[in-house]
Amino acid sequence: MIKLIALYKMPASQEAFDQHYFQTHLPLVKKLPDLKSFETAKFAATSLGDNRYYRIEQLTFESQDQLDRAMASSAGRNVAHDLAHFAGNDVAVYYAESDL
C-alpha cells in the first residue's frame, strides 16, 4: 500500500481554511479513482509546543501505479489545481509505503 500524506501549515484563518477544505477540497478528493481509504485530522497538540501544522490528510491506494493513475486523471488534476490555489506553499505532500 502507498499513502499520499499532506501536511497543512497553520492557516491565517482557520475558519476560511475549514470552509474551503470541507466544502470544496474534500469532495474533489473523494472522486479520485482507486482511492482505498481517506483520513483527515486536525492537530490538537504537540509534545514540542510547535503549532506549525494545522491538519494532516492521508489518502491510501493499493499501489504506486494506482496513485499515479489517480493523480493523472481528471479528478486528480482537479485536486492538484484546487490544492495549489487554496493551500499553495502552505502544504507539504509526501508519499509513504506501508510496511505492514
PDB file of N, CA and C in Angstrom:
ATOM      1  N   MET A   1       0.832  -1.177   0.000  1.00  0.00           N
ATOM      2  CA  MET A   1       0.000   0.000   0.000  1.00  0.00           C
ATOM      3  C   MET A   1       0.877   1.241   0.000  1.00  0.00           C
ATOM      4  N   ILE A   2       0.329   2.280  -0.587  1.00  0.00           N
ATOM      5  CA  ILE A   2       1.024   3.562  -0.639  1.00  0.00           C
ATOM      6  C   ILE A   2       0.080   4.643  -0.129  1.00  0.00           C
ATOM      7  N   LYS A   3       0.646   5.581   0.614  1.00  0.00           N
ATOM      8  CA  LYS A   3      -0.150   6.691   1.137  1.00  0.00           C
ATOM      9  C   LYS A   3       0.385   8.001   0.610  1.00  0.00           C
ATOM     10  N   LEU A   4      -0.529   8.872   0.266  1.00  0.00           N
ATOM     11  CA  LEU A   4      -0.193  10.253  -0.019  1.00  0.00           C
ATOM     12  C   LEU A   4      -0.555  11.000   1.262  1.00  0.00           C
ATOM     13  N   ILE A   5       0.419  11.678   1.844  1.00  0.00           N
ATOM     14  CA  ILE A   5       0.211  12.392   3.102  1.00  0.00           C
ATOM     15  C   ILE A   5       0.421  13.875   2.856  1.00  0.00           C
ATOM     16  N   ALA A   6      -0.576  14.669   3.213  1.00  0.00           N
ATOM     17  CA  ALA A   6      -0.472  16.122   3.082  1.00  0.00           C
ATOM     18  C   ALA A   6      -0.466  16.728   4.475  1.00  0.00           C
ATOM     19  N   LEU A   7       0.535  17.561   4.732  1.00  0.00           N
ATOM     20  CA  LEU A   7       0.620  18.311   5.990  1.00  0.00           C
ATOM     21  C   LEU A   7       0.348  19.771   5.685  1.00  0.00           C
ATOM     22  N   TYR A   8      -0.707  20.295   6.269  1.00  0.00           N
ATOM     23  CA  TYR A   8      -1.101  21.686   6.045  1.00  0.00           C
ATOM     24  C   TYR A   8      -0.591  22.555   7.179  1.00  0.00           C
ATOM     25  N   LYS A   9       0.097  23.636   6.829  1.00  0.00           N
ATOM     26  CA  LYS A   9       0.572  24.579   7.836  1.00  0.00           C
ATOM     27  C   LYS A   9      -0.605  25.351   8.430  1.00  0.00           C
ATOM     28  N   MET A  10      -0.373  25.948   9.588  1.00  0.00           N
ATOM     29  CA  MET A  10      -1.394  26.737  10.265  1.00  0.00           C
ATOM     30  C   MET A  10      -1.840  27.885   9.342  1.00  0.00           C
ATOM     31  N   PRO A  11      -3.121  27.919   8.987  1.00  0.00           N
ATOM     32  CA  PRO A  11      -3.597  28.978   8.087  1.00  0.00           C
ATOM     33  C   PRO A  11      -3.812  30.300   8.835  1.00  0.00           C
ATOM     34  N   ALA A  12      -3.823  31.380   8.083  1.00  0.00           N
ATOM     35  CA  ALA A  12      -4.096  32.696   8.675  1.00  0.00           C
ATOM     36  C   ALA A  12      -5.500  32.718   9.265  1.00  0.00           C
ATOM     37  N   SER A  13      -6.447  32.080   8.574  1.00  0.00           N
ATOM     38  CA  SER A  13      -7.829  31.991   9.059  1.00  0.00           C
ATOM     39  C   SER A  13      -8.253  30.525   9.057  1.00  0.00           C
ATOM     40  N   GLN A  14      -8.367  29.949  10.227  1.00  0.00           N
ATOM     41  CA  GLN A  14      -8.803  28.552  10.323  1.00  0.00           C
ATOM     42  C   GLN A  14     -10.222  28.389   9.785  1.00  0.00           C
ATOM     43  N   GLU A  15     -11.067  29.370  10.032  1.00  0.00           N
ATOM     44  CA  GLU A  15     -12.453  29.300   9.576  1.00  0.00           C
ATOM     45  C   GLU A  15     -12.528  29.273   8.048  1.00  0.00           C
ATOM     46  N   ALA A  16     -11.783  30.146   7.393  1.00  0.00           N
ATOM     47  CA  ALA A  16     -11.781  30.179   5.925  1.00  0.00           C
ATOM     48  C   ALA A  16     -11.178  28.893   5.358  1.00  0.00           C
ATOM     49  N   PHE A  17     -10.087  28.422   5.986  1.00  0.00           N
ATOM     50  CA  PHE A  17      -9.468  27.171   5.545  1.00  0.00           C
ATOM     51  C   PHE A  17     -10.476  26.032   5.637  1.00  0.00           C
ATOM     52  N   ASP A  18     -11.097  25.860   6.811  1.00  0.00           N
ATOM     53  CA  ASP A  18     -12.041  24.757   7.014  1.00  0.00           C
ATOM     54  C   ASP A  18     -13.219  24.826   6.049  1.00  0.00           C
ATOM     55  N   GLN A  19     -13.707  26.019   5.793  1.00  0.00           N
ATOM     56  CA  GLN A  19     -14.836  26.155   4.873  1.00  0.00           C
ATOM     57  C   GLN A  19     -14.451  25.636   3.490  1.00  0.00           C
ATOM     58  N   HIS A  20     -13.310  26.067   2.984  1.00  0.00           N
ATOM     59  CA  HIS A  20     -12.883  25.605   1.661  1.00  0.00           C
ATOM     60  C   HIS A  20     -12.521  24.119   1.690  1.00  0.00           C
ATOM     61  N   TYR A  21     -11.805  23.711   2.713  1.00  0.00           N
ATOM     62  CA  TYR A  21     -11.338  22.329   2.805  1.00  0.00           C
ATOM     63  C   TYR A  21     -12.509  21.344   2.790  1.00  0.00           C
ATOM     64  N   PHE A  22     -13.508  21.587   3.629  1.00  0.00           N
ATOM     65  CA  PHE A  22     -14.613  20.638   3.750  1.00  0.00           C
ATOM     66  C   PHE A  22     -15.664  20.784   2.654  1.00  0.00           C
ATOM     67  N   GLN A  23     -15.862  21.987   2.159  1.00  0.00           N
ATOM     68  CA  GLN A  23     -16.921  22.189   1.164  1.00  0.00           C
ATOM     69  C   GLN A  23     -16.438  22.045  -0.280  1.00  0.00           C
ATOM     70  N   THR A  24     -15.162  22.273  -0.524  1.00  0.00           N
ATOM     71  CA  THR A  24     -14.650  22.216  -1.893  1.00  0.00           C
ATOM     72  C   THR A  24     -13.595  21.125  -2.087  1.00  0.00           C
ATOM     73  N   HIS A  25     -12.557  21.138  -1.251  1.00  0.00           N
ATOM     74  CA  HIS A  25     -11.427  20.231  -1.488  1.00  0.00           C
ATOM     75  C   HIS A  25     -11.777  18.758  -1.242  1.00  0.00           C
ATOM     76  N   LEU A  26     -12.375  18.453  -0.106  1.00  0.00           N
ATOM     77  CA  LEU A  26     -12.667  17.041   0.188  1.00  0.00           C
ATOM     78  C   LEU A  26     -13.608  16.392  -0.823  1.00  0.00           C
ATOM     79  N   PRO A  27     -14.653  17.077  -1.277  1.00  0.00           N
ATOM     80  CA  PRO A  27     -15.477  16.450  -2.320  1.00  0.00           C
ATOM     81  C   PRO A  27     -14.678  16.106  -3.581  1.00  0.00           C
ATOM     82  N   LEU A  28     -13.673  16.916  -3.916  1.00  0.00           N
ATOM     83  CA  LEU A  28     -12.816  16.607  -5.063  1.00  0.00           C
ATOM     84  C   LEU A  28     -11.942  15.389  -4.774  1.00  0.00           C
ATOM     85  N   VAL A  29     -11.362  15.339  -3.588  1.00  0.00           N
ATOM     86  CA  VAL A  29     -10.506  14.214  -3.192  1.00  0.00           C
ATOM     87  C   VAL A  29     -11.282  12.899  -3.248  1.00  0.00           C
ATOM     88  N   LYS A  30     -12.495  12.913  -2.778  1.00  0.00           N
ATOM     89  CA  LYS A  30     -13.300  11.681  -2.714  1.00  0.00           C
ATOM     90  C   LYS A  30     -13.665  11.140  -4.083  1.00  0.00           C
ATOM     91  N   LYS A  31     -13.446  11.919  -5.136  1.00  0.00           N
ATOM     92  CA  LYS A  31     -13.720  11.466  -6.509  1.00  0.00           C
ATOM     93  C   LYS A  31     -12.514  10.780  -7.161  1.00  0.00           C
ATOM     94  N   LEU A  32     -11.372  10.734  -6.459  1.00  0.00           N
ATOM     95  CA  LEU A  32     -10.183  10.105  -7.034  1.00  0.00           C
ATOM     96  C   LEU A  32     -10.431   8.624  -7.303  1.00  0.00           C
ATOM     97  N   PRO A  33     -10.113   8.155  -8.494  1.00  0.00           N
ATOM     98  CA  PRO A  33     -10.289   6.733  -8.783  1.00  0.00           C
ATOM     99  C   PRO A  33      -9.317   5.876  -7.965  1.00  0.00           C
ATOM    100  N   ASP A  34      -9.780   4.706  -7.579  1.00  0.00           N
ATOM    101  CA  ASP A  34      -8.981   3.711  -6.847  1.00  0.00           C
ATOM    102  C   ASP A  34      -8.554   4.157  -5.453  1.00  0.00           C
ATOM    103  N   LEU A  35      -9.177   5.194  -4.920  1.00  0.00           N
ATOM    104  CA  LEU A  35      -8.890   5.623  -3.551  1.00  0.00           C
ATOM    105  C   LEU A  35      -9.422   4.561  -2.601  1.00  0.00           C
ATOM    106  N   LYS A  36      -8.518   3.916  -1.882  1.00  0.00           N
ATOM    107  CA  LYS A  36      -8.913   2.830  -0.982  1.00  0.00           C
ATOM    108  C   LYS A  36      -9.456   3.363   0.334  1.00  0.00           C
ATOM    109  N   SER A  37      -8.770   4.363   0.905  1.00  0.00           N
ATOM    110  CA  SER A  37      -9.255   4.974   2.142  1.00  0.00           C
ATOM    111  C   SER A  37      -8.746   6.401   2.234  1.00  0.00           C
ATOM    112  N   PHE A  38      -9.399   7.138   3.080  1.00  0.00           N
ATOM    113  CA  PHE A  38      -9.105   8.551   3.261  1.00  0.00           C
ATOM    114  C   PHE A  38      -9.260   8.892   4.736  1.00  0.00           C
ATOM    115  N   GLU A  39      -8.327   9.672   5.245  1.00  0.00           N
ATOM    116  CA  GLU A  39      -8.421  10.098   6.646  1.00  0.00           C
ATOM    117  C   GLU A  39      -7.889  11.514   6.758  1.00  0.00           C
ATOM    118  N   THR A  40      -8.532  12.311   7.571  1.00  0.00           N
ATOM    119  CA  THR A  40      -8.057  13.661   7.839  1.00  0.00           C
ATOM    120  C   THR A  40      -8.222  13.947   9.325  1.00  0.00           C
ATOM    121  N   ALA A  41      -7.316  14.741   9.853  1.00  0.00           N
ATOM    122  CA  ALA A  41      -7.377  15.076  11.281  1.00  0.00           C
ATOM    123  C   ALA A  41      -6.743  16.443  11.502  1.00  0.00           C
ATOM    124  N   LYS A  42      -7.267  17.130  12.498  1.00  0.00           N
ATOM    125  CA  LYS A  42      -6.708  18.418  12.904  1.00  0.00           C
ATOM    126  C   LYS A  42      -5.794  18.172  14.088  1.00  0.00           C
ATOM    127  N   PHE A  43      -4.604  18.757  14.063  1.00  0.00           N
ATOM    128  CA  PHE A  43      -3.668  18.583  15.164  1.00  0.00           C
ATOM    129  C   PHE A  43      -4.219  19.260  16.413  1.00  0.00           C
ATOM    130  N   ALA A  44      -4.172  18.538  17.519  1.00  0.00           N
ATOM    131  CA  ALA A  44      -4.669  19.064  18.785  1.00  0.00           C
ATOM    132  C   ALA A  44      -3.534  19.632  19.632  1.00  0.00           C
ATOM    133  N   ALA A  45      -2.400  18.976  19.614  1.00  0.00           N
ATOM    134  CA  ALA A  45      -1.267  19.399  20.440  1.00  0.00           C
ATOM    135  C   ALA A  45      -0.011  18.719  19.925  1.00  0.00           C
ATOM    136  N   THR A  46       1.117  19.172  20.414  1.00  0.00           N
ATOM    137  CA  THR A  46       2.384  18.555  20.078  1.00  0.00           C
ATOM    138  C   THR A  46       3.280  18.560  21.307  1.00  0.00           C
ATOM    139  N   SER A  47       4.099  17.571  21.441  1.00  0.00           N
ATOM    140  CA  SER A  47       4.992  17.480  22.600  1.00  0.00           C
ATOM    141  C   SER A  47       6.082  18.550  22.563  1.00  0.00           C
ATOM    142  N   LEU A  48       6.307  19.127  21.395  1.00  0.00           N
ATOM    143  CA  LEU A  48       7.348  20.143  21.253  1.00  0.00           C
ATOM    144  C   LEU A  48       6.816  21.570  21.401  1.00  0.00           C
ATOM    145  N   GLY A  49       5.510  21.704  21.568  1.00  0.00           N
ATOM    146  CA  GLY A  49       4.925  23.025  21.681  1.00  0.00           C
ATOM    147  C   GLY A  49       4.883  23.767  20.354  1.00  0.00           C
ATOM    148  N   ASP A  50       5.097  23.058  19.271  1.00  0.00           N
ATOM    149  CA  ASP A  50       5.136  23.641  17.939  1.00  0.00           C
ATOM    150  C   ASP A  50       3.746  23.526  17.309  1.00  0.00           C
ATOM    151  N   ASN A  51       3.143  24.623  16.947  1.00  0.00           N
ATOM    152  CA  ASN A  51       1.835  24.565  16.293  1.00  0.00           C
ATOM    153  C   ASN A  51       1.940  24.980  14.826  1.00  0.00           C
ATOM    154  N   ARG A  52       3.016  24.569  14.182  1.00  0.00           N
ATOM    155  CA  ARG A  52       3.263  24.910  12.780  1.00  0.00           C
ATOM    156  C   ARG A  52       2.240  24.257  11.859  1.00  0.00           C
ATOM    157  N   TYR A  53       1.797  23.054  12.199  1.00  0.00           N
ATOM    158  CA  TYR A  53       0.864  22.341  11.328  1.00  0.00           C
ATOM    159  C   TYR A  53      -0.547  22.360  11.893  1.00  0.00           C
ATOM    160  N   TYR A  54      -1.501  22.455  10.986  1.00  0.00           N
ATOM    161  CA  TYR A  54      -2.911  22.552  11.350  1.00  0.00           C
ATOM    162  C   TYR A  54      -3.659  21.242  11.115  1.00  0.00           C
ATOM    163  N   ARG A  55      -3.381  20.603   9.971  1.00  0.00           N
ATOM    164  CA  ARG A  55      -4.167  19.428   9.583  1.00  0.00           C
ATOM    165  C   ARG A  55      -3.281  18.451   8.823  1.00  0.00           C
ATOM    166  N   ILE A  56      -3.634  17.177   8.940  1.00  0.00           N
ATOM    167  CA  ILE A  56      -2.984  16.112   8.167  1.00  0.00           C
ATOM    168  C   ILE A  56      -4.069  15.386   7.377  1.00  0.00           C
ATOM    169  N   GLU A  57      -3.675  14.936   6.182  1.00  0.00           N
ATOM    170  CA  GLU A  57      -4.597  14.208   5.311  1.00  0.00           C
ATOM    171  C   GLU A  57      -3.841  13.002   4.767  1.00  0.00           C
ATOM    172  N   GLN A  58      -4.485  11.837   4.798  1.00  0.00           N
ATOM    173  CA  GLN A  58      -3.855  10.612   4.272  1.00  0.00           C
ATOM    174  C   GLN A  58      -4.790   9.952   3.268  1.00  0.00           C
ATOM    175  N   LEU A  59      -4.280   9.743   2.070  1.00  0.00           N
ATOM    176  CA  LEU A  59      -5.005   9.033   1.027  1.00  0.00           C
ATOM    177  C   LEU A  59      -4.285   7.717   0.799  1.00  0.00           C
ATOM    178  N   THR A  60      -4.992   6.621   0.829  1.00  0.00           N
ATOM    179  CA  THR A  60      -4.377   5.308   0.674  1.00  0.00           C
ATOM    180  C   THR A  60      -4.801   4.666  -0.642  1.00  0.00           C
ATOM    181  N   PHE A  61      -3.810   4.122  -1.341  1.00  0.00           N
ATOM    182  CA  PHE A  61      -4.022   3.402  -2.591  1.00  0.00           C
ATOM    183  C   PHE A  61      -3.318   2.052  -2.488  1.00  0.00           C
ATOM    184  N   GLU A  62      -3.751   1.086  -3.282  1.00  0.00           N
ATOM    185  CA  GLU A  62      -3.149  -0.252  -3.262  1.00  0.00           C
ATOM    186  C   GLU A  62      -1.702  -0.238  -3.744  1.00  0.00           C
ATOM    187  N   SER A  63      -1.398   0.637  -4.714  1.00  0.00           N
ATOM    188  CA  SER A  63      -0.060   0.631  -5.298  1.00  0.00           C
ATOM    189  C   SER A  63       0.325   2.033  -5.768  1.00  0.00           C
ATOM    190  N   GLN A  64       1.607   2.207  -6.018  1.00  0.00           N
ATOM    191  CA  GLN A  64       2.091   3.474  -6.572  1.00  0.00           C
ATOM    192  C   GLN A  64       1.475   3.721  -7.936  1.00  0.00           C
ATOM    193  N   ASP A  65       1.308   2.645  -8.732  1.00  0.00           N
ATOM    194  CA  ASP A  65       0.691   2.792 -10.051  1.00  0.00           C
ATOM    195  C   ASP A  65      -0.729   3.342  -9.946  1.00  0.00           C
ATOM    196  N   GLN A  66      -1.504   2.839  -8.984  1.00  0.00           N
ATOM    197  CA  GLN A  66      -2.869   3.339  -8.804  1.00  0.00           C
ATOM    198  C   GLN A  66      -2.859   4.802  -8.363  1.00  0.00           C
ATOM    199  N   LEU A  67      -1.953   5.148  -7.470  1.00  0.00           N
ATOM    200  CA  LEU A  67      -1.831   6.538  -7.033  1.00  0.00           C
ATOM    201  C   LEU A  67      -1.465   7.426  -8.220  1.00  0.00           C
ATOM    202  N   ASP A  68      -0.488   6.997  -9.010  1.00  0.00           N
ATOM    203  CA  ASP A  68      -0.065   7.781 -10.171  1.00  0.00           C
ATOM    204  C   ASP A  68      -1.214   7.968 -11.160  1.00  0.00           C
ATOM    205  N   ARG A  69      -1.963   6.894 -11.424  1.00  0.00           N
ATOM    206  CA  ARG A  69      -3.100   6.991 -12.352  1.00  0.00           C
ATOM    207  C   ARG A  69      -4.179   7.907 -11.796  1.00  0.00           C
ATOM    208  N   ALA A  70      -4.425   7.799 -10.496  1.00  0.00           N
ATOM    209  CA  ALA A  70      -5.441   8.653  -9.874  1.00  0.00           C
ATOM    210  C   ALA A  70      -5.074  10.125 -10.002  1.00  0.00           C
ATOM    211  N   MET A  71      -3.813  10.435  -9.743  1.00  0.00           N
ATOM    212  CA  MET A  71      -3.394  11.833  -9.798  1.00  0.00           C
ATOM    213  C   MET A  71      -3.301  12.352 -11.238  1.00  0.00           C
ATOM    214  N   ALA A  72      -3.119  11.452 -12.208  1.00  0.00           N
ATOM    215  CA  ALA A  72      -3.072  11.850 -13.615  1.00  0.00           C
ATOM    216  C   ALA A  72      -4.475  11.961 -14.229  1.00  0.00           C
ATOM    217  N   SER A  73      -5.476  11.456 -13.527  1.00  0.00           N
ATOM    218  CA  SER A  73      -6.852  11.501 -14.028  1.00  0.00           C
ATOM    219  C   SER A  73      -7.391  12.926 -13.952  1.00  0.00           C
ATOM    220  N   SER A  74      -8.544  13.142 -14.571  1.00  0.00           N
ATOM    221  CA  SER A  74      -9.156  14.479 -14.493  1.00  0.00           C
ATOM    222  C   SER A  74      -9.499  14.828 -13.042  1.00  0.00           C
ATOM    223  N   ALA A  75      -9.921  13.844 -12.257  1.00  0.00           N
ATOM    224  CA  ALA A  75     -10.206  14.093 -10.840  1.00  0.00           C
ATOM    225  C   ALA A  75      -8.927  14.493 -10.107  1.00  0.00           C
ATOM    226  N   GLY A  76      -7.831  13.829 -10.410  1.00  0.00           N
ATOM    227  CA  GLY A  76      -6.547  14.150  -9.784  1.00  0.00           C
ATOM    228  C   GLY A  76      -6.055  15.533 -10.163  1.00  0.00           C
ATOM    229  N   ARG A  77      -6.232  15.893 -11.426  1.00  0.00           N
ATOM    230  CA  ARG A  77      -5.838  17.243 -11.855  1.00  0.00           C
ATOM    231  C   ARG A  77      -6.678  18.301 -11.152  1.00  0.00           C
ATOM    232  N   ASN A  78      -7.965  18.008 -10.928  1.00  0.00           N
ATOM    233  CA  ASN A  78      -8.827  18.944 -10.197  1.00  0.00           C
ATOM    234  C   ASN A  78      -8.356  19.106  -8.751  1.00  0.00           C
ATOM    235  N   VAL A  79      -7.973  18.006  -8.126  1.00  0.00           N
ATOM    236  CA  VAL A  79      -7.462  18.060  -6.755  1.00  0.00           C
ATOM    237  C   VAL A  79      -6.189  18.894  -6.700  1.00  0.00           C
ATOM    238  N   ALA A  80      -5.260  18.623  -7.606  1.00  0.00           N
ATOM    239  CA  ALA A  80      -3.991  19.344  -7.622  1.00  0.00           C
ATOM    240  C   ALA A  80      -4.193  20.833  -7.883  1.00  0.00           C
ATOM    241  N   HIS A  81      -5.072  21.167  -8.794  1.00  0.00           N
ATOM    242  CA  HIS A  81      -5.357  22.567  -9.108  1.00  0.00           C
ATOM    243  C   HIS A  81      -5.948  23.266  -7.885  1.00  0.00           C
ATOM    244  N   ASP A  82      -6.913  22.634  -7.253  1.00  0.00           N
ATOM    245  CA  ASP A  82      -7.524  23.232  -6.066  1.00  0.00           C
ATOM    246  C   ASP A  82      -6.499  23.390  -4.950  1.00  0.00           C
ATOM    247  N   LEU A  83      -5.686  22.369  -4.739  1.00  0.00           N
ATOM    248  CA  LEU A  83      -4.668  22.411  -3.683  1.00  0.00           C
ATOM    249  C   LEU A  83      -3.703  23.573  -3.902  1.00  0.00           C
ATOM    250  N   ALA A  84      -3.272  23.754  -5.128  1.00  0.00           N
ATOM    251  CA  ALA A  84      -2.340  24.840  -5.435  1.00  0.00           C
ATOM    252  C   ALA A  84      -2.956  26.206  -5.165  1.00  0.00           C
ATOM    253  N   HIS A  85      -4.256  26.333  -5.387  1.00  0.00           N
ATOM    254  CA  HIS A  85      -4.902  27.628  -5.212  1.00  0.00           C
ATOM    255  C   HIS A  85      -5.325  27.916  -3.783  1.00  0.00           C
ATOM    256  N   PHE A  86      -5.699  26.907  -3.012  1.00  0.00           N
ATOM    257  CA  PHE A  86      -6.129  27.232  -1.656  1.00  0.00           C
ATOM    258  C   PHE A  86      -5.050  27.010  -0.608  1.00  0.00           C
ATOM    259  N   ALA A  87      -4.065  26.162  -0.880  1.00  0.00           N
ATOM    260  CA  ALA A  87      -3.012  25.917   0.114  1.00  0.00           C
ATOM    261  C   ALA A  87      -1.651  26.416  -0.349  1.00  0.00           C
ATOM    262  N   GLY A  88      -1.399  26.365  -1.646  1.00  0.00           N
ATOM    263  CA  GLY A  88      -0.142  26.875  -2.195  1.00  0.00           C
ATOM    264  C   GLY A  88       1.083  26.315  -1.503  1.00  0.00           C
ATOM    265  N   ASN A  89       1.936  27.195  -1.006  1.00  0.00           N
ATOM    266  CA  ASN A  89       3.169  26.788  -0.331  1.00  0.00           C
ATOM    267  C   ASN A  89       2.942  26.372   1.116  1.00  0.00           C
ATOM    268  N   ASP A  90       1.698  26.396   1.563  1.00  0.00           N
ATOM    269  CA  ASP A  90       1.396  26.043   2.954  1.00  0.00           C
ATOM    270  C   ASP A  90       1.021  24.578   3.132  1.00  0.00           C
ATOM    271  N   VAL A  91       1.391  23.757   2.168  1.00  0.00           N
ATOM    272  CA  VAL A  91       1.145  22.321   2.274  1.00  0.00           C
ATOM    273  C   VAL A  91       2.392  21.580   1.787  1.00  0.00           C
ATOM    274  N   ALA A  92       2.714  20.506   2.486  1.00  0.00           N
ATOM    275  CA  ALA A  92       3.796  19.614   2.082  1.00  0.00           C
ATOM    276  C   ALA A  92       3.173  18.255   1.796  1.00  0.00           C
ATOM    277  N   VAL A  93       3.521  17.664   0.661  1.00  0.00           N
ATOM    278  CA  VAL A  93       2.949  16.380   0.257  1.00  0.00           C
ATOM    279  C   VAL A  93       4.050  15.338   0.222  1.00  0.00           C
ATOM    280  N   TYR A  94       3.781  14.195   0.850  1.00  0.00           N
ATOM    281  CA  TYR A  94       4.741  13.089   0.932  1.00  0.00           C
ATOM    282  C   TYR A  94       4.062  11.811   0.457  1.00  0.00           C
ATOM    283  N   TYR A  95       4.871  10.880  -0.050  1.00  0.00           N
ATOM    284  CA  TYR A  95       4.402   9.526  -0.339  1.00  0.00           C
ATOM    285  C   TYR A  95       5.076   8.614   0.672  1.00  0.00           C
ATOM    286  N   ALA A  96       4.314   7.664   1.224  1.00  0.00           N
ATOM    287  CA  ALA A  96       4.863   6.726   2.193  1.00  0.00           C
ATOM    288  C   ALA A  96       4.362   5.331   1.868  1.00  0.00           C
ATOM    289  N   GLU A  97       5.278   4.363   1.857  1.00  0.00           N
ATOM    290  CA  GLU A  97       4.912   2.964   1.637  1.00  0.00           C
ATOM    291  C   GLU A  97       4.659   2.302   2.968  1.00  0.00           C
ATOM    292  N   SER A  98       3.585   1.551   3.042  1.00  0.00           N
ATOM    293  CA  SER A  98       3.248   0.845   4.276  1.00  0.00           C
ATOM    294  C   SER A  98       4.147  -0.372   4.442  1.00  0.00           C
ATOM    295  N   ASP A  99       4.668  -0.557   5.641  1.00  0.00           N
ATOM    296  CA  ASP A  99       5.495  -1.724   5.940  1.00  0.00           C
ATOM    297  C   ASP A  99       4.666  -2.924   6.413  1.00  0.00           C
ATOM    298  N   LEU A 100       3.431  -2.675   6.739  1.00  0.00           N
ATOM    299  CA  LEU A 100       2.601  -3.761   7.281  1.00  0.00           C
ATOM    300  C   LEU A 100       1.545  -4.184   6.297  1.00  0.00           C
TER     301      LEU A 100
END
